[in-house]
Protein backbone atom coordinates (compact mmCIF):
# COMPACT_ATOMS: atom_id res chain seq x y z
CA MET A 1 140.84 70.10 126.62
CA ALA A 2 139.01 73.42 126.95
CA HIS A 3 137.16 74.29 130.14
CA PRO A 4 134.02 76.45 130.26
CA ALA A 5 133.67 79.54 132.40
CA LEU A 6 132.13 78.50 135.72
CA ILE A 7 129.41 80.27 137.74
CA ASP A 8 128.53 79.12 141.25
CA LEU A 9 124.77 79.67 141.27
CA ALA A 10 124.48 79.20 145.02
CA ALA A 11 126.43 82.42 145.49
CA LEU A 12 123.91 84.45 143.48
CA GLY A 13 120.66 86.08 144.52
CA ALA A 14 117.47 86.70 142.55
CA ALA A 15 118.63 90.21 141.60
CA GLU A 16 121.43 88.71 139.51
CA ALA A 17 119.14 86.76 137.18
CA SER A 18 119.47 89.39 134.44
CA ALA A 19 123.28 89.16 134.49
CA VAL A 20 123.11 85.34 134.29
CA GLU A 21 120.68 85.60 131.39
CA GLN A 22 123.08 87.87 129.52
CA ARG A 23 125.88 85.33 130.01
CA ILE A 24 123.62 82.54 128.71
CA ALA A 25 122.61 84.60 125.67
CA ALA A 26 126.26 85.24 124.79
CA ALA A 27 127.29 81.59 125.07
CA ARG A 28 127.33 79.05 122.27
CA LEU A 29 126.40 76.26 124.67
CA VAL A 30 125.68 76.17 128.42
CA CYS A 31 125.67 73.32 130.94
CA PHE A 32 123.10 73.98 133.65
CA PRO A 33 121.18 72.24 136.46
CA THR A 34 117.49 71.47 136.65
CA ASP A 35 115.62 69.73 139.45
CA THR A 36 116.27 66.33 137.85
CA VAL A 37 119.59 66.22 135.95
CA TYR A 38 122.13 68.57 134.43
CA GLY A 39 121.33 69.69 130.91
CA ILE A 40 123.04 71.40 128.02
CA GLY A 41 121.56 74.01 125.75
CA GLY A 42 121.05 77.72 126.09
CA ALA A 43 119.30 80.50 124.22
CA LEU A 44 116.42 79.30 122.06
CA THR A 45 118.19 79.62 118.69
CA PRO A 46 119.09 77.26 115.82
CA ALA A 47 122.80 77.91 116.45
CA VAL A 48 122.56 76.70 120.04
CA ALA A 49 120.44 73.72 119.02
CA GLY A 50 123.04 72.78 116.42
CA ALA A 51 125.84 73.00 118.98
CA LEU A 52 123.80 70.84 121.37
CA VAL A 53 123.19 68.13 118.76
CA ALA A 54 126.89 68.08 117.83
CA ALA A 55 128.05 67.95 121.48
CA LYS A 56 125.89 64.92 122.24
CA GLY A 57 126.26 63.15 118.91
CA ARG A 58 122.47 63.26 118.86
CA ASP A 59 120.08 62.36 116.05
CA PRO A 60 119.27 65.78 114.49
CA GLY A 61 115.68 64.67 113.90
CA LYS A 62 115.01 63.93 117.57
CA PRO A 63 112.97 66.75 119.12
CA LEU A 64 114.50 69.02 121.74
CA GLN A 65 112.73 70.33 124.81
CA VAL A 66 112.17 73.90 125.91
CA VAL A 67 112.78 74.89 129.53
CA PHE A 68 110.84 77.80 131.00
CA ALA A 69 112.00 79.44 134.21
CA SER A 70 108.52 79.68 135.70
CA LEU A 71 104.90 78.85 135.06
CA GLU A 72 104.28 82.54 134.41
CA ALA A 73 106.99 82.56 131.72
CA LEU A 74 105.43 79.49 130.09
CA GLU A 75 101.93 80.96 130.01
CA THR A 76 103.27 84.21 128.58
CA ALA A 77 105.07 82.44 125.73
CA VAL A 78 102.68 79.58 124.88
CA ALA A 79 98.94 79.88 124.26
CA LEU A 80 97.26 77.01 126.13
CA ALA A 81 93.63 75.91 125.96
CA PRO A 82 91.92 76.38 129.35
CA GLU A 83 91.83 72.64 130.10
CA LEU A 84 95.50 72.27 129.21
CA ARG A 85 96.47 75.33 131.23
CA ALA A 86 94.75 73.84 134.28
CA ALA A 87 96.63 70.56 133.78
CA CYS A 88 99.97 72.38 133.48
CA ARG A 89 99.27 74.28 136.68
CA ARG A 90 98.68 71.00 138.51
CA LEU A 91 101.91 69.43 137.27
CA LEU A 92 104.28 72.40 137.13
CA PRO A 93 106.74 73.36 138.36
CA GLY A 94 108.01 69.84 138.79
CA PRO A 95 110.14 66.95 137.47
CA VAL A 96 108.05 66.41 134.34
CA THR A 97 108.37 67.00 130.61
CA LEU A 98 104.97 67.73 129.09
CA LEU A 99 104.16 67.10 125.44
CA VAL A 100 101.63 69.76 124.41
CA PRO A 101 100.21 70.80 121.02
CA TYR A 102 102.83 72.73 119.06
CA PRO A 103 102.06 76.47 119.33
CA ARG A 104 100.73 77.98 116.11
CA ASP A 105 103.02 81.01 116.33
CA TRP A 106 106.20 78.99 116.95
CA ASP A 107 108.60 77.72 114.32
CA PHE A 108 111.54 76.61 116.48
CA PRO A 109 112.55 74.12 117.74
CA PRO A 110 111.02 71.78 115.18
CA PRO A 111 108.01 69.89 116.57
CA GLY A 112 107.92 66.32 117.74
CA GLU A 113 104.95 64.01 117.34
CA ALA A 114 102.64 62.37 119.87
CA GLY A 115 99.01 61.53 120.46
CA GLU A 116 98.66 58.53 118.15
CA ALA A 117 97.91 56.32 121.16
CA PHE A 118 94.53 58.05 121.53
CA GLY A 119 93.13 56.59 118.31
CA ARG A 120 93.85 59.70 116.28
CA PRO A 121 96.67 60.70 113.93
CA ALA A 122 99.88 61.88 115.57
CA ALA A 123 99.90 65.56 116.46
CA ALA A 124 102.76 68.05 116.27
CA THR A 125 104.00 68.65 119.82
CA LEU A 126 106.33 70.78 121.91
CA GLY A 127 108.15 69.19 124.85
CA LEU A 128 108.31 71.68 127.70
CA ARG A 129 109.62 71.84 131.24
CA VAL A 130 109.25 74.18 134.20
CA PRO A 131 111.66 72.80 136.82
CA GLN A 132 111.18 73.06 140.56
CA TRP A 133 114.57 74.73 140.76
CA PRO A 134 116.78 73.47 143.59
CA PRO A 135 117.57 76.10 146.23
CA ALA A 136 121.14 76.52 145.00
CA ALA A 137 119.81 77.36 141.50
CA ARG A 138 117.07 79.74 142.64
CA VAL A 139 118.49 82.55 140.50
CA LEU A 140 117.41 80.64 137.37
CA ALA A 141 113.75 81.11 138.33
CA GLY A 142 114.19 84.74 137.30
CA LEU A 143 115.16 84.07 133.68
CA ARG A 144 112.76 85.74 131.26
CA ARG A 145 113.57 83.82 128.09
CA PRO A 146 113.24 80.06 127.59
CA LEU A 147 116.13 77.67 126.99
CA VAL A 148 116.46 74.91 124.41
CA ALA A 149 117.80 71.86 126.19
CA SER A 150 118.64 68.19 126.44
CA SER A 151 120.28 66.18 129.20
CA ALA A 152 124.05 66.67 129.40
CA ASN A 153 125.10 63.13 128.47
CA PRO A 154 126.14 61.41 125.26
CA GLY A 155 123.42 59.22 123.76
CA GLY A 156 122.86 56.09 125.83
CA ALA A 157 124.90 57.26 128.83
CA PRO A 158 123.33 57.94 132.25
CA PRO A 159 122.25 61.56 132.81
CA PRO A 160 124.52 63.49 135.21
CA ALA A 161 123.41 64.48 138.71
CA CYS A 162 126.20 67.01 139.20
CA LEU A 163 128.68 68.96 137.13
CA ASP A 164 131.49 66.51 137.91
CA GLU A 165 129.46 63.70 136.28
CA VAL A 166 129.08 65.52 132.96
CA ASP A 167 131.06 63.74 130.25
CA ALA A 168 134.32 65.64 129.67
CA SER A 169 133.82 65.74 125.91
CA VAL A 170 130.35 67.25 126.34
CA LEU A 171 131.48 69.80 128.92
CA ALA A 172 134.39 70.85 126.70
CA ARG A 173 131.88 71.97 124.05
CA CYS A 174 130.30 74.43 126.50
CA ASP A 175 131.33 78.06 126.93
CA LEU A 176 129.59 78.34 130.28
CA ALA A 177 128.86 75.95 133.16
CA LEU A 178 126.33 76.80 135.88
CA ASP A 179 126.96 74.85 139.08
CA ALA A 180 124.29 74.21 141.72
CA GLY A 181 125.77 71.10 143.30
CA ALA A 182 124.04 67.74 143.19
CA VAL A 183 120.46 67.34 141.94
CA SER A 184 118.26 64.23 142.01
CA GLY A 185 119.91 62.47 139.06
CA ARG A 186 116.62 60.89 137.97
CA ALA A 187 115.21 61.68 134.56
CA SER A 188 112.01 63.69 134.26
CA THR A 189 108.69 61.93 133.82
CA VAL A 190 107.36 62.44 130.27
CA VAL A 191 103.59 62.96 129.95
CA ASP A 192 101.70 63.19 126.65
CA LEU A 193 99.06 65.94 126.95
CA SER A 194 98.70 66.47 123.21
CA ARG A 195 94.99 65.48 123.20
CA TYR A 196 94.16 66.53 126.75
CA ALA A 197 92.21 69.68 125.87
CA GLU A 198 89.99 67.75 123.44
CA THR A 199 89.49 64.47 125.27
CA GLY A 200 90.76 64.81 128.85
CA ARG A 201 93.06 61.86 128.15
CA TRP A 202 96.77 61.68 128.80
CA ARG A 203 99.52 59.07 128.57
CA LEU A 204 102.67 58.32 130.51
CA VAL A 205 105.45 58.12 127.92
CA ARG A 206 108.31 57.63 130.39
CA ALA A 207 108.28 57.10 134.13
CA GLY A 208 110.88 59.13 135.98
CA VAL A 209 110.77 60.91 139.31
CA TRP A 210 106.98 60.54 139.22
CA GLY A 211 105.12 57.39 138.23
CA GLU A 212 101.68 57.11 136.67
CA ALA A 213 99.83 57.19 140.00
CA GLU A 214 101.51 60.45 141.04
CA VAL A 215 100.69 62.11 137.70
CA ALA A 216 97.08 60.89 137.87
CA ALA A 217 96.65 62.22 141.42
CA ARG A 218 98.02 65.61 140.50
CA LEU A 219 95.86 65.91 137.39
CA ALA A 220 92.82 64.92 139.43
CA GLY A 221 93.69 67.51 142.06
CA THR A 222 93.83 64.92 144.82
CA ARG A 223 97.56 65.15 145.55
CA LYS A 224 98.15 67.00 148.81
CA GLU A 225 101.46 68.79 149.14
CA PRO A 226 103.25 68.42 152.49
CA PRO A 227 103.30 71.57 154.64
CA SER A 228 106.34 73.79 154.27
CA PRO A 229 108.92 73.32 157.03
């Protein structure tokens, strides 16, 4: 079985982000860490998305998420209403996937749907992430272009917390593997913000690292971060 080229991210500094980005852009499929689980994906292109769907045996109609390296990168790429931008700043970076209105100037990846729980028709949405990158993966915070992504597990299997836990058949489809050691192994919390700018309402779609109370506290601005060591 084929093995992907391996990069030890912990050995790299911030200055090497551009070189890592070039390797990602040249790869058909990449396995990489986030703050929650390991994912697969890569450059935001239909070819990479197709390789991802095939590697996981995934329903092609199921929406994919987009991972931004930083909050600044997200705000540069996606126009957000002021209320929504404030909400994103309270939740990101962090172990959450946010469902936001699909950007008017985007056409890929195809949108998902959410918002029907608020008494209105479902809205076209984009699922986005800005991870709180683990220290060993700090170089990824310097990426300029977003990644299309999904967790690096076959459908129904537990998401991997380290590269060694990635299913061999999935890893064999990758050209490149980025190793940052073990991450939390818990799936991201999914929050529907599709109607937030209009109504101020949100919905917990999936509990993960954060539960509903944690999300509510952060959106209300009452969550106090512990002091840095």
